[in-house]
mmCIF file of all heavy atoms, coordinates in Angstrom:
data_MODEL
# 
_entry.id   MODEL 
# 
loop_
_atom_site.group_PDB 
_atom_site.id 
_atom_site.type_symbol 
_atom_site.label_atom_id 
_atom_site.label_alt_id 
_atom_site.label_comp_id 
_atom_site.label_asym_id 
_atom_site.label_entity_id 
_atom_site.label_seq_id 
_atom_site.pdbx_PDB_ins_code 
_atom_site.Cartn_x 
_atom_site.Cartn_y 
_atom_site.Cartn_z 
_atom_site.occupancy 
_atom_site.B_iso_or_equiv 
_atom_site.pdbx_formal_charge 
_atom_site.auth_seq_id 
_atom_site.auth_comp_id 
_atom_site.auth_asym_id 
_atom_site.auth_atom_id 
_atom_site.pdbx_PDB_model_num 
ATOM 1   N N   . PHE A 1 1  ? -60.057 -90.436  8.179  1.00 0.00 ? 1  PHE A N   1 
ATOM 2   C CA  . PHE A 1 1  ? -60.360 -91.150  6.953  1.00 0.00 ? 1  PHE A CA  1 
ATOM 3   C C   . PHE A 1 1  ? -59.647 -90.360  5.742  1.00 0.00 ? 1  PHE A C   1 
ATOM 4   O O   . PHE A 1 1  ? -59.094 -91.040  4.913  1.00 0.00 ? 1  PHE A O   1 
ATOM 5   C CB  . PHE A 1 1  ? -61.830 -91.212  6.724  1.00 0.00 ? 1  PHE A CB  1 
ATOM 6   C CG  . PHE A 1 1  ? -62.303 -91.849  5.418  1.00 0.00 ? 1  PHE A CG  1 
ATOM 7   C CD1 . PHE A 1 1  ? -61.917 -93.210  5.063  1.00 0.00 ? 1  PHE A CD1 1 
ATOM 8   C CD2 . PHE A 1 1  ? -62.869 -91.179  4.521  1.00 0.00 ? 1  PHE A CD2 1 
ATOM 9   C CE1 . PHE A 1 1  ? -62.280 -93.783  3.968  1.00 0.00 ? 1  PHE A CE1 1 
ATOM 10  C CE2 . PHE A 1 1  ? -63.360 -91.793  3.231  1.00 0.00 ? 1  PHE A CE2 1 
ATOM 11  C CZ  . PHE A 1 1  ? -62.961 -93.028  3.024  1.00 0.00 ? 1  PHE A CZ  1 
ATOM 12  N N   . ASN A 1 2  ? -59.736 -89.059  5.706  1.00 0.00 ? 2  ASN A N   1 
ATOM 13  C CA  . ASN A 1 2  ? -59.131 -88.336  4.812  1.00 0.00 ? 2  ASN A CA  1 
ATOM 14  C C   . ASN A 1 2  ? -57.637 -88.462  4.542  1.00 0.00 ? 2  ASN A C   1 
ATOM 15  O O   . ASN A 1 2  ? -57.050 -88.672  3.539  1.00 0.00 ? 2  ASN A O   1 
ATOM 16  C CB  . ASN A 1 2  ? -59.480 -86.764  4.778  1.00 0.00 ? 2  ASN A CB  1 
ATOM 17  C CG  . ASN A 1 2  ? -60.986 -86.567  4.605  1.00 0.00 ? 2  ASN A CG  1 
ATOM 18  O OD1 . ASN A 1 2  ? -61.723 -87.329  3.813  1.00 0.00 ? 2  ASN A OD1 1 
ATOM 19  N ND2 . ASN A 1 2  ? -61.460 -85.572  5.216  1.00 0.00 ? 2  ASN A ND2 1 
ATOM 20  N N   . VAL A 1 3  ? -57.017 -88.441  5.762  1.00 0.00 ? 3  VAL A N   1 
ATOM 21  C CA  . VAL A 1 3  ? -55.530 -88.574  5.824  1.00 0.00 ? 3  VAL A CA  1 
ATOM 22  C C   . VAL A 1 3  ? -55.148 -90.014  5.325  1.00 0.00 ? 3  VAL A C   1 
ATOM 23  O O   . VAL A 1 3  ? -54.206 -90.195  4.505  1.00 0.00 ? 3  VAL A O   1 
ATOM 24  C CB  . VAL A 1 3  ? -55.082 -88.447  7.232  1.00 0.00 ? 3  VAL A CB  1 
ATOM 25  C CG1 . VAL A 1 3  ? -53.583 -88.767  7.384  1.00 0.00 ? 3  VAL A CG1 1 
ATOM 26  C CG2 . VAL A 1 3  ? -55.235 -86.835  7.624  1.00 0.00 ? 3  VAL A CG2 1 
ATOM 27  N N   . PHE A 1 4  ? -55.829 -91.051  5.887  1.00 0.00 ? 4  PHE A N   1 
ATOM 28  C CA  . PHE A 1 4  ? -55.569 -92.468  5.390  1.00 0.00 ? 4  PHE A CA  1 
ATOM 29  C C   . PHE A 1 4  ? -55.790 -92.584  3.968  1.00 0.00 ? 4  PHE A C   1 
ATOM 30  O O   . PHE A 1 4  ? -54.937 -93.247  3.441  1.00 0.00 ? 4  PHE A O   1 
ATOM 31  C CB  . PHE A 1 4  ? -56.360 -93.294  6.304  1.00 0.00 ? 4  PHE A CB  1 
ATOM 32  C CG  . PHE A 1 4  ? -56.082 -94.821  6.230  1.00 0.00 ? 4  PHE A CG  1 
ATOM 33  C CD1 . PHE A 1 4  ? -54.827 -95.199  6.004  1.00 0.00 ? 4  PHE A CD1 1 
ATOM 34  C CD2 . PHE A 1 4  ? -57.152 -95.801  6.316  1.00 0.00 ? 4  PHE A CD2 1 
ATOM 35  C CE1 . PHE A 1 4  ? -54.534 -96.607  5.826  1.00 0.00 ? 4  PHE A CE1 1 
ATOM 36  C CE2 . PHE A 1 4  ? -56.867 -96.967  6.106  1.00 0.00 ? 4  PHE A CE2 1 
ATOM 37  C CZ  . PHE A 1 4  ? -55.572 -97.468  5.952  1.00 0.00 ? 4  PHE A CZ  1 
ATOM 38  N N   . SER A 1 5  ? -56.934 -92.110  3.578  1.00 0.00 ? 5  SER A N   1 
ATOM 39  C CA  . SER A 1 5  ? -57.223 -92.506  2.185  1.00 0.00 ? 5  SER A CA  1 
ATOM 40  C C   . SER A 1 5  ? -56.092 -91.788  1.056  1.00 0.00 ? 5  SER A C   1 
ATOM 41  O O   . SER A 1 5  ? -55.981 -92.488  -0.051 1.00 0.00 ? 5  SER A O   1 
ATOM 42  C CB  . SER A 1 5  ? -58.584 -91.680  1.758  1.00 0.00 ? 5  SER A CB  1 
ATOM 43  O OG  . SER A 1 5  ? -59.558 -92.416  2.495  1.00 0.00 ? 5  SER A OG  1 
ATOM 44  N N   . LYS A 1 6  ? -55.627 -90.694  1.372  1.00 0.00 ? 6  LYS A N   1 
ATOM 45  C CA  . LYS A 1 6  ? -54.574 -90.144  0.608  1.00 0.00 ? 6  LYS A CA  1 
ATOM 46  C C   . LYS A 1 6  ? -53.340 -91.031  0.456  1.00 0.00 ? 6  LYS A C   1 
ATOM 47  O O   . LYS A 1 6  ? -52.462 -90.929  -0.452 1.00 0.00 ? 6  LYS A O   1 
ATOM 48  C CB  . LYS A 1 6  ? -54.150 -88.798  1.080  1.00 0.00 ? 6  LYS A CB  1 
ATOM 49  C CG  . LYS A 1 6  ? -55.313 -87.721  0.899  1.00 0.00 ? 6  LYS A CG  1 
ATOM 50  C CD  . LYS A 1 6  ? -54.962 -86.336  1.602  1.00 0.00 ? 6  LYS A CD  1 
ATOM 51  C CE  . LYS A 1 6  ? -56.083 -85.366  1.378  1.00 0.00 ? 6  LYS A CE  1 
ATOM 52  N NZ  . LYS A 1 6  ? -55.715 -84.111  1.946  1.00 0.00 ? 6  LYS A NZ  1 
ATOM 53  N N   . GLN A 1 7  ? -53.155 -91.935  1.518  1.00 0.00 ? 7  GLN A N   1 
ATOM 54  C CA  . GLN A 1 7  ? -51.977 -92.810  1.270  1.00 0.00 ? 7  GLN A CA  1 
ATOM 55  C C   . GLN A 1 7  ? -52.240 -94.163  0.728  1.00 0.00 ? 7  GLN A C   1 
ATOM 56  O O   . GLN A 1 7  ? -51.459 -94.954  0.533  1.00 0.00 ? 7  GLN A O   1 
ATOM 57  C CB  . GLN A 1 7  ? -51.522 -93.259  2.876  1.00 0.00 ? 7  GLN A CB  1 
ATOM 58  C CG  . GLN A 1 7  ? -51.114 -92.086  3.642  1.00 0.00 ? 7  GLN A CG  1 
ATOM 59  C CD  . GLN A 1 7  ? -50.791 -92.421  5.068  1.00 0.00 ? 7  GLN A CD  1 
ATOM 60  O OE1 . GLN A 1 7  ? -49.935 -93.257  5.290  1.00 0.00 ? 7  GLN A OE1 1 
ATOM 61  N NE2 . GLN A 1 7  ? -51.360 -91.815  6.223  1.00 0.00 ? 7  GLN A NE2 1 
ATOM 62  N N   . LEU A 1 8  ? -53.563 -94.264  0.247  1.00 0.00 ? 8  LEU A N   1 
ATOM 63  C CA  . LEU A 1 8  ? -53.918 -95.523  -0.564 1.00 0.00 ? 8  LEU A CA  1 
ATOM 64  C C   . LEU A 1 8  ? -54.272 -95.088  -1.956 1.00 0.00 ? 8  LEU A C   1 
ATOM 65  O O   . LEU A 1 8  ? -54.607 -93.985  -2.289 1.00 0.00 ? 8  LEU A O   1 
ATOM 66  C CB  . LEU A 1 8  ? -55.273 -95.983  0.070  1.00 0.00 ? 8  LEU A CB  1 
ATOM 67  C CG  . LEU A 1 8  ? -55.053 -96.561  1.467  1.00 0.00 ? 8  LEU A CG  1 
ATOM 68  C CD1 . LEU A 1 8  ? -56.529 -96.733  2.158  1.00 0.00 ? 8  LEU A CD1 1 
ATOM 69  C CD2 . LEU A 1 8  ? -54.436 -97.918  1.415  1.00 0.00 ? 8  LEU A CD2 1 
ATOM 70  N N   . GLY A 1 9  ? -54.049 -96.091  -2.862 1.00 0.00 ? 9  GLY A N   1 
ATOM 71  C CA  . GLY A 1 9  ? -54.281 -95.912  -4.224 1.00 0.00 ? 9  GLY A CA  1 
ATOM 72  C C   . GLY A 1 9  ? -55.712 -96.284  -4.547 1.00 0.00 ? 9  GLY A C   1 
ATOM 73  O O   . GLY A 1 9  ? -56.613 -96.254  -3.725 1.00 0.00 ? 9  GLY A O   1 
ATOM 74  N N   . ASN A 1 10 ? -55.983 -96.850  -5.837 1.00 0.00 ? 10 ASN A N   1 
ATOM 75  C CA  . ASN A 1 10 ? -57.339 -97.157  -6.255 1.00 0.00 ? 10 ASN A CA  1 
ATOM 76  C C   . ASN A 1 10 ? -57.515 -98.504  -6.755 1.00 0.00 ? 10 ASN A C   1 
ATOM 77  O O   . ASN A 1 10 ? -58.362 -98.788  -7.537 1.00 0.00 ? 10 ASN A O   1 
ATOM 78  C CB  . ASN A 1 10 ? -57.819 -96.038  -7.411 1.00 0.00 ? 10 ASN A CB  1 
ATOM 79  C CG  . ASN A 1 10 ? -57.964 -94.693  -6.791 1.00 0.00 ? 10 ASN A CG  1 
ATOM 80  O OD1 . ASN A 1 10 ? -58.776 -94.544  -5.856 1.00 0.00 ? 10 ASN A OD1 1 
ATOM 81  N ND2 . ASN A 1 10 ? -57.372 -93.682  -7.267 1.00 0.00 ? 10 ASN A ND2 1 
ATOM 82  N N   . SER A 1 11 ? -56.613 -99.331  -6.318 1.00 0.00 ? 11 SER A N   1 
ATOM 83  C CA  . SER A 1 11 ? -56.656 -100.822 -6.682 1.00 0.00 ? 11 SER A CA  1 
ATOM 84  C C   . SER A 1 11 ? -57.993 -101.380 -5.913 1.00 0.00 ? 11 SER A C   1 
ATOM 85  O O   . SER A 1 11 ? -58.529 -100.743 -5.091 1.00 0.00 ? 11 SER A O   1 
ATOM 86  C CB  . SER A 1 11 ? -55.499 -101.656 -6.289 1.00 0.00 ? 11 SER A CB  1 
ATOM 87  O OG  . SER A 1 11 ? -55.405 -101.721 -4.809 1.00 0.00 ? 11 SER A OG  1 
ATOM 88  N N   . ILE A 1 12 ? -58.415 -102.511 -6.435 1.00 0.00 ? 12 ILE A N   1 
ATOM 89  C CA  . ILE A 1 12 ? -59.553 -103.158 -5.735 1.00 0.00 ? 12 ILE A CA  1 
ATOM 90  C C   . ILE A 1 12 ? -59.382 -103.401 -4.276 1.00 0.00 ? 12 ILE A C   1 
ATOM 91  O O   . ILE A 1 12 ? -60.231 -102.913 -3.457 1.00 0.00 ? 12 ILE A O   1 
ATOM 92  C CB  . ILE A 1 12 ? -59.839 -104.572 -6.384 1.00 0.00 ? 12 ILE A CB  1 
ATOM 93  C CG1 . ILE A 1 12 ? -60.238 -104.271 -7.856 1.00 0.00 ? 12 ILE A CG1 1 
ATOM 94  C CG2 . ILE A 1 12 ? -60.887 -105.390 -5.680 1.00 0.00 ? 12 ILE A CG2 1 
ATOM 95  C CD1 . ILE A 1 12 ? -60.490 -105.657 -8.730 1.00 0.00 ? 12 ILE A CD1 1 
ATOM 96  N N   . ASN A 1 13 ? -58.212 -103.881 -3.935 1.00 0.00 ? 13 ASN A N   1 
ATOM 97  C CA  . ASN A 1 13 ? -57.934 -103.997 -2.486 1.00 0.00 ? 13 ASN A CA  1 
ATOM 98  C C   . ASN A 1 13 ? -57.846 -102.767 -1.671 1.00 0.00 ? 13 ASN A C   1 
ATOM 99  O O   . ASN A 1 13 ? -58.338 -102.736 -0.501 1.00 0.00 ? 13 ASN A O   1 
ATOM 100 C CB  . ASN A 1 13 ? -56.593 -105.011 -2.341 1.00 0.00 ? 13 ASN A CB  1 
ATOM 101 C CG  . ASN A 1 13 ? -56.776 -106.249 -2.862 1.00 0.00 ? 13 ASN A CG  1 
ATOM 102 O OD1 . ASN A 1 13 ? -57.970 -106.812 -2.966 1.00 0.00 ? 13 ASN A OD1 1 
ATOM 103 N ND2 . ASN A 1 13 ? -55.612 -106.879 -3.148 1.00 0.00 ? 13 ASN A ND2 1 
ATOM 104 N N   . GLU A 1 14 ? -57.261 -101.764 -2.265 1.00 0.00 ? 14 GLU A N   1 
ATOM 105 C CA  . GLU A 1 14 ? -57.122 -100.422 -1.525 1.00 0.00 ? 14 GLU A CA  1 
ATOM 106 C C   . GLU A 1 14 ? -58.462 -99.780  -1.466 1.00 0.00 ? 14 GLU A C   1 
ATOM 107 O O   . GLU A 1 14 ? -58.806 -99.047  -0.439 1.00 0.00 ? 14 GLU A O   1 
ATOM 108 C CB  . GLU A 1 14 ? -56.138 -99.510  -2.361 1.00 0.00 ? 14 GLU A CB  1 
ATOM 109 C CG  . GLU A 1 14 ? -54.697 -99.953  -1.983 1.00 0.00 ? 14 GLU A CG  1 
ATOM 110 C CD  . GLU A 1 14 ? -53.761 -99.350  -3.005 1.00 0.00 ? 14 GLU A CD  1 
ATOM 111 O OE1 . GLU A 1 14 ? -53.942 -99.531  -4.305 1.00 0.00 ? 14 GLU A OE1 1 
ATOM 112 O OE2 . GLU A 1 14 ? -52.738 -98.768  -2.513 1.00 0.00 ? 14 GLU A OE2 1 
ATOM 113 N N   . ASN A 1 15 ? -59.236 -100.018 -2.463 1.00 0.00 ? 15 ASN A N   1 
ATOM 114 C CA  . ASN A 1 15 ? -60.656 -99.458  -2.272 1.00 0.00 ? 15 ASN A CA  1 
ATOM 115 C C   . ASN A 1 15 ? -61.423 -100.087 -1.247 1.00 0.00 ? 15 ASN A C   1 
ATOM 116 O O   . ASN A 1 15 ? -62.316 -99.459  -0.624 1.00 0.00 ? 15 ASN A O   1 
ATOM 117 C CB  . ASN A 1 15 ? -61.267 -99.424  -3.709 1.00 0.00 ? 15 ASN A CB  1 
ATOM 118 C CG  . ASN A 1 15 ? -60.938 -98.356  -4.674 1.00 0.00 ? 15 ASN A CG  1 
ATOM 119 O OD1 . ASN A 1 15 ? -60.457 -97.228  -4.140 1.00 0.00 ? 15 ASN A OD1 1 
ATOM 120 N ND2 . ASN A 1 15 ? -60.965 -98.615  -5.932 1.00 0.00 ? 15 ASN A ND2 1 
ATOM 121 N N   . TYR A 1 16 ? -61.249 -101.390 -1.073 1.00 0.00 ? 16 TYR A N   1 
ATOM 122 C CA  . TYR A 1 16 ? -61.853 -102.152 -0.094 1.00 0.00 ? 16 TYR A CA  1 
ATOM 123 C C   . TYR A 1 16 ? -61.533 -101.653 1.374  1.00 0.00 ? 16 TYR A C   1 
ATOM 124 O O   . TYR A 1 16 ? -62.359 -101.534 2.241  1.00 0.00 ? 16 TYR A O   1 
ATOM 125 C CB  . TYR A 1 16 ? -61.678 -103.616 -0.151 1.00 0.00 ? 16 TYR A CB  1 
ATOM 126 C CG  . TYR A 1 16 ? -62.310 -104.454 0.994  1.00 0.00 ? 16 TYR A CG  1 
ATOM 127 C CD1 . TYR A 1 16 ? -63.600 -104.717 1.058  1.00 0.00 ? 16 TYR A CD1 1 
ATOM 128 C CD2 . TYR A 1 16 ? -61.467 -104.956 2.002  1.00 0.00 ? 16 TYR A CD2 1 
ATOM 129 C CE1 . TYR A 1 16 ? -64.082 -105.371 2.189  1.00 0.00 ? 16 TYR A CE1 1 
ATOM 130 C CE2 . TYR A 1 16 ? -61.980 -105.586 3.108  1.00 0.00 ? 16 TYR A CE2 1 
ATOM 131 C CZ  . TYR A 1 16 ? -63.410 -105.867 3.160  1.00 0.00 ? 16 TYR A CZ  1 
ATOM 132 O OH  . TYR A 1 16 ? -63.752 -106.472 4.268  1.00 0.00 ? 16 TYR A OH  1 
ATOM 133 N N   . ILE A 1 17 ? -60.336 -101.445 1.394  1.00 0.00 ? 17 ILE A N   1 
ATOM 134 C CA  . ILE A 1 17 ? -59.666 -100.984 2.770  1.00 0.00 ? 17 ILE A CA  1 
ATOM 135 C C   . ILE A 1 17 ? -60.296 -99.725  3.204  1.00 0.00 ? 17 ILE A C   1 
ATOM 136 O O   . ILE A 1 17 ? -60.837 -99.402  4.176  1.00 0.00 ? 17 ILE A O   1 
ATOM 137 C CB  . ILE A 1 17 ? -58.230 -100.768 2.722  1.00 0.00 ? 17 ILE A CB  1 
ATOM 138 C CG1 . ILE A 1 17 ? -57.538 -102.162 2.674  1.00 0.00 ? 17 ILE A CG1 1 
ATOM 139 C CG2 . ILE A 1 17 ? -57.661 -99.984  4.031  1.00 0.00 ? 17 ILE A CG2 1 
ATOM 140 C CD1 . ILE A 1 17 ? -55.923 -102.084 2.361  1.00 0.00 ? 17 ILE A CD1 1 
ATOM 141 N N   . LYS A 1 18 ? -60.520 -98.795  2.231  1.00 0.00 ? 18 LYS A N   1 
ATOM 142 C CA  . LYS A 1 18 ? -61.069 -97.420  2.306  1.00 0.00 ? 18 LYS A CA  1 
ATOM 143 C C   . LYS A 1 18 ? -62.570 -97.693  2.774  1.00 0.00 ? 18 LYS A C   1 
ATOM 144 O O   . LYS A 1 18 ? -63.077 -97.008  3.782  1.00 0.00 ? 18 LYS A O   1 
ATOM 145 C CB  . LYS A 1 18 ? -61.035 -96.602  1.102  1.00 0.00 ? 18 LYS A CB  1 
ATOM 146 C CG  . LYS A 1 18 ? -59.572 -96.001  0.913  1.00 0.00 ? 18 LYS A CG  1 
ATOM 147 C CD  . LYS A 1 18 ? -59.403 -94.996  -0.197 1.00 0.00 ? 18 LYS A CD  1 
ATOM 148 C CE  . LYS A 1 18 ? -59.275 -95.688  -1.513 1.00 0.00 ? 18 LYS A CE  1 
ATOM 149 N NZ  . LYS A 1 18 ? -58.912 -94.755  -2.643 1.00 0.00 ? 18 LYS A NZ  1 
ATOM 150 N N   . SER A 1 19 ? -63.174 -98.548  1.996  1.00 0.00 ? 19 SER A N   1 
ATOM 151 C CA  . SER A 1 19 ? -64.652 -98.740  2.334  1.00 0.00 ? 19 SER A CA  1 
ATOM 152 C C   . SER A 1 19 ? -64.886 -99.281  3.621  1.00 0.00 ? 19 SER A C   1 
ATOM 153 O O   . SER A 1 19 ? -65.819 -98.995  4.389  1.00 0.00 ? 19 SER A O   1 
ATOM 154 C CB  . SER A 1 19 ? -65.212 -99.723  1.247  1.00 0.00 ? 19 SER A CB  1 
ATOM 155 O OG  . SER A 1 19 ? -66.492 -100.212 1.505  1.00 0.00 ? 19 SER A OG  1 
ATOM 156 N N   . LEU A 1 20 ? -63.970 -100.303 4.019  1.00 0.00 ? 20 LEU A N   1 
ATOM 157 C CA  . LEU A 1 20 ? -64.068 -100.942 5.324  1.00 0.00 ? 20 LEU A CA  1 
ATOM 158 C C   . LEU A 1 20 ? -63.939 -99.872  6.562  1.00 0.00 ? 20 LEU A C   1 
ATOM 159 O O   . LEU A 1 20 ? -64.759 -99.844  7.452  1.00 0.00 ? 20 LEU A O   1 
ATOM 160 C CB  . LEU A 1 20 ? -63.040 -102.104 5.346  1.00 0.00 ? 20 LEU A CB  1 
ATOM 161 C CG  . LEU A 1 20 ? -62.963 -102.874 6.817  1.00 0.00 ? 20 LEU A CG  1 
ATOM 162 C CD1 . LEU A 1 20 ? -64.306 -103.617 6.941  1.00 0.00 ? 20 LEU A CD1 1 
ATOM 163 C CD2 . LEU A 1 20 ? -61.816 -103.854 6.699  1.00 0.00 ? 20 LEU A CD2 1 
ATOM 164 N N   . PHE A 1 21 ? -62.894 -98.985  6.320  1.00 0.00 ? 21 PHE A N   1 
ATOM 165 C CA  . PHE A 1 21 ? -62.613 -98.004  7.279  1.00 0.00 ? 21 PHE A CA  1 
ATOM 166 C C   . PHE A 1 21 ? -63.843 -97.005  7.517  1.00 0.00 ? 21 PHE A C   1 
ATOM 167 O O   . PHE A 1 21 ? -64.341 -96.692  8.589  1.00 0.00 ? 21 PHE A O   1 
ATOM 168 C CB  . PHE A 1 21 ? -61.352 -97.183  6.953  1.00 0.00 ? 21 PHE A CB  1 
ATOM 169 C CG  . PHE A 1 21 ? -60.918 -96.370  8.056  1.00 0.00 ? 21 PHE A CG  1 
ATOM 170 C CD1 . PHE A 1 21 ? -59.869 -96.750  8.863  1.00 0.00 ? 21 PHE A CD1 1 
ATOM 171 C CD2 . PHE A 1 21 ? -61.471 -95.060  8.206  1.00 0.00 ? 21 PHE A CD2 1 
ATOM 172 C CE1 . PHE A 1 21 ? -59.445 -95.829  9.971  1.00 0.00 ? 21 PHE A CE1 1 
ATOM 173 C CE2 . PHE A 1 21 ? -61.010 -94.210  9.168  1.00 0.00 ? 21 PHE A CE2 1 
ATOM 174 C CZ  . PHE A 1 21 ? -59.966 -94.712  10.119 1.00 0.00 ? 21 PHE A CZ  1 
ATOM 175 N N   . GLU A 1 22 ? -64.335 -96.659  6.185  1.00 0.00 ? 22 GLU A N   1 
ATOM 176 C CA  . GLU A 1 22 ? -65.339 -95.692  6.242  1.00 0.00 ? 22 GLU A CA  1 
ATOM 177 C C   . GLU A 1 22 ? -66.684 -96.236  6.911  1.00 0.00 ? 22 GLU A C   1 
ATOM 178 O O   . GLU A 1 22 ? -67.364 -95.603  7.678  1.00 0.00 ? 22 GLU A O   1 
ATOM 179 C CB  . GLU A 1 22 ? -65.718 -95.240  4.840  1.00 0.00 ? 22 GLU A CB  1 
ATOM 180 C CG  . GLU A 1 22 ? -66.849 -94.143  4.739  1.00 0.00 ? 22 GLU A CG  1 
ATOM 181 C CD  . GLU A 1 22 ? -67.084 -93.795  3.156  1.00 0.00 ? 22 GLU A CD  1 
ATOM 182 O OE1 . GLU A 1 22 ? -66.592 -94.534  2.349  1.00 0.00 ? 22 GLU A OE1 1 
ATOM 183 O OE2 . GLU A 1 22 ? -67.767 -92.711  3.077  1.00 0.00 ? 22 GLU A OE2 1 
ATOM 184 N N   . ASN A 1 23 ? -67.029 -97.426  6.565  1.00 0.00 ? 23 ASN A N   1 
ATOM 185 C CA  . ASN A 1 23 ? -68.272 -98.078  6.888  1.00 0.00 ? 23 ASN A CA  1 
ATOM 186 C C   . ASN A 1 23 ? -68.241 -98.393  8.507  1.00 0.00 ? 23 ASN A C   1 
ATOM 187 O O   . ASN A 1 23 ? -69.095 -98.268  9.278  1.00 0.00 ? 23 ASN A O   1 
ATOM 188 C CB  . ASN A 1 23 ? -68.542 -99.459  6.299  1.00 0.00 ? 23 ASN A CB  1 
ATOM 189 C CG  . ASN A 1 23 ? -68.992 -99.202  4.837  1.00 0.00 ? 23 ASN A CG  1 
ATOM 190 O OD1 . ASN A 1 23 ? -69.529 -98.162  4.566  1.00 0.00 ? 23 ASN A OD1 1 
ATOM 191 N ND2 . ASN A 1 23 ? -68.849 -100.075 3.998  1.00 0.00 ? 23 ASN A ND2 1 
ATOM 192 N N   . ALA A 1 24 ? -66.974 -98.537  8.968  1.00 0.00 ? 24 ALA A N   1 
ATOM 193 C CA  . ALA A 1 24 ? -66.767 -98.878  10.341 1.00 0.00 ? 24 ALA A CA  1 
ATOM 194 C C   . ALA A 1 24 ? -66.847 -97.646  11.193 1.00 0.00 ? 24 ALA A C   1 
ATOM 195 O O   . ALA A 1 24 ? -67.595 -97.615  12.237 1.00 0.00 ? 24 ALA A O   1 
ATOM 196 C CB  . ALA A 1 24 ? -65.525 -99.618  10.639 1.00 0.00 ? 24 ALA A CB  1 
ATOM 197 N N   . TYR A 1 25 ? -66.130 -96.619  10.875 1.00 0.00 ? 25 TYR A N   1 
ATOM 198 C CA  . TYR A 1 25 ? -65.881 -95.499  11.814 1.00 0.00 ? 25 TYR A CA  1 
ATOM 199 C C   . TYR A 1 25 ? -66.795 -94.221  11.378 1.00 0.00 ? 25 TYR A C   1 
ATOM 200 O O   . TYR A 1 25 ? -67.034 -93.357  12.317 1.00 0.00 ? 25 TYR A O   1 
ATOM 201 C CB  . TYR A 1 25 ? -64.430 -95.063  11.797 1.00 0.00 ? 25 TYR A CB  1 
ATOM 202 C CG  . TYR A 1 25 ? -63.557 -96.217  12.394 1.00 0.00 ? 25 TYR A CG  1 
ATOM 203 C CD1 . TYR A 1 25 ? -62.856 -97.083  11.695 1.00 0.00 ? 25 TYR A CD1 1 
ATOM 204 C CD2 . TYR A 1 25 ? -63.588 -96.476  13.851 1.00 0.00 ? 25 TYR A CD2 1 
ATOM 205 C CE1 . TYR A 1 25 ? -62.075 -98.076  12.194 1.00 0.00 ? 25 TYR A CE1 1 
ATOM 206 C CE2 . TYR A 1 25 ? -62.886 -97.424  14.385 1.00 0.00 ? 25 TYR A CE2 1 
ATOM 207 C CZ  . TYR A 1 25 ? -62.124 -98.283  13.535 1.00 0.00 ? 25 TYR A CZ  1 
ATOM 208 O OH  . TYR A 1 25 ? -61.371 -99.364  14.105 1.00 0.00 ? 25 TYR A OH  1 
ATOM 209 N N   . LEU A 1 26 ? -67.213 -94.164  10.182 1.00 0.00 ? 26 LEU A N   1 
ATOM 210 C CA  . LEU A 1 26 ? -67.985 -93.077  9.751  1.00 0.00 ? 26 LEU A CA  1 
ATOM 211 C C   . LEU A 1 26 ? -69.430 -93.339  9.854  1.00 0.00 ? 26 LEU A C   1 
ATOM 212 O O   . LEU A 1 26 ? -70.329 -92.331  9.701  1.00 0.00 ? 26 LEU A O   1 
ATOM 213 C CB  . LEU A 1 26 ? -67.595 -92.487  8.389  1.00 0.00 ? 26 LEU A CB  1 
ATOM 214 C CG  . LEU A 1 26 ? -66.354 -91.567  8.359  1.00 0.00 ? 26 LEU A CG  1 
ATOM 215 C CD1 . LEU A 1 26 ? -65.139 -92.139  8.956  1.00 0.00 ? 26 LEU A CD1 1 
ATOM 216 C CD2 . LEU A 1 26 ? -66.230 -91.022  6.862  1.00 0.00 ? 26 LEU A CD2 1 
ATOM 217 N N   . LYS A 1 27 ? -69.859 -94.575  9.932  1.00 0.00 ? 27 LYS A N   1 
ATOM 218 C CA  . LYS A 1 27 ? -71.187 -94.961  9.944  1.00 0.00 ? 27 LYS A CA  1 
ATOM 219 C C   . LYS A 1 27 ? -71.706 -95.566  11.245 1.00 0.00 ? 27 LYS A C   1 
ATOM 220 O O   . LYS A 1 27 ? -72.756 -96.177  11.303 1.00 0.00 ? 27 LYS A O   1 
ATOM 221 C CB  . LYS A 1 27 ? -71.550 -95.868  8.769  1.00 0.00 ? 27 LYS A CB  1 
ATOM 222 C CG  . LYS A 1 27 ? -71.357 -95.193  7.378  1.00 0.00 ? 27 LYS A CG  1 
ATOM 223 C CD  . LYS A 1 27 ? -71.677 -96.119  6.296  1.00 0.00 ? 27 LYS A CD  1 
ATOM 224 C CE  . LYS A 1 27 ? -71.379 -95.343  4.938  1.00 0.00 ? 27 LYS A CE  1 
ATOM 225 N NZ  . LYS A 1 27 ? -71.791 -96.254  3.691  1.00 0.00 ? 27 LYS A NZ  1 
ATOM 226 N N   . HIS A 1 28 ? -70.896 -95.504  12.271 1.00 0.00 ? 28 HIS A N   1 
ATOM 227 C CA  . HIS A 1 28 ? -71.239 -96.012  13.503 1.00 0.00 ? 28 HIS A CA  1 
ATOM 228 C C   . HIS A 1 28 ? -70.920 -94.810  14.654 1.00 0.00 ? 28 HIS A C   1 
ATOM 229 O O   . HIS A 1 28 ? -69.968 -94.091  14.463 1.00 0.00 ? 28 HIS A O   1 
ATOM 230 C CB  . HIS A 1 28 ? -70.501 -97.123  13.912 1.00 0.00 ? 28 HIS A CB  1 
ATOM 231 C CG  . HIS A 1 28 ? -70.970 -98.470  13.167 1.00 0.00 ? 28 HIS A CG  1 
ATOM 232 N ND1 . HIS A 1 28 ? -70.430 -98.601  11.950 1.00 0.00 ? 28 HIS A ND1 1 
ATOM 233 C CD2 . HIS A 1 28 ? -71.961 -99.311  13.231 1.00 0.00 ? 28 HIS A CD2 1 
ATOM 234 C CE1 . HIS A 1 28 ? -70.893 -99.730  11.410 1.00 0.00 ? 28 HIS A CE1 1 
ATOM 235 N NE2 . HIS A 1 28 ? -71.912 -100.191 12.244 1.00 0.00 ? 28 HIS A NE2 1 
# 
């Protein structure tokens, strides 16, 4: 998640992608 997040910006869509990844893999 840390590696992937650094490749993303802070637009609405990029923040959603980060949130989706985090909720899927860090909370299960």
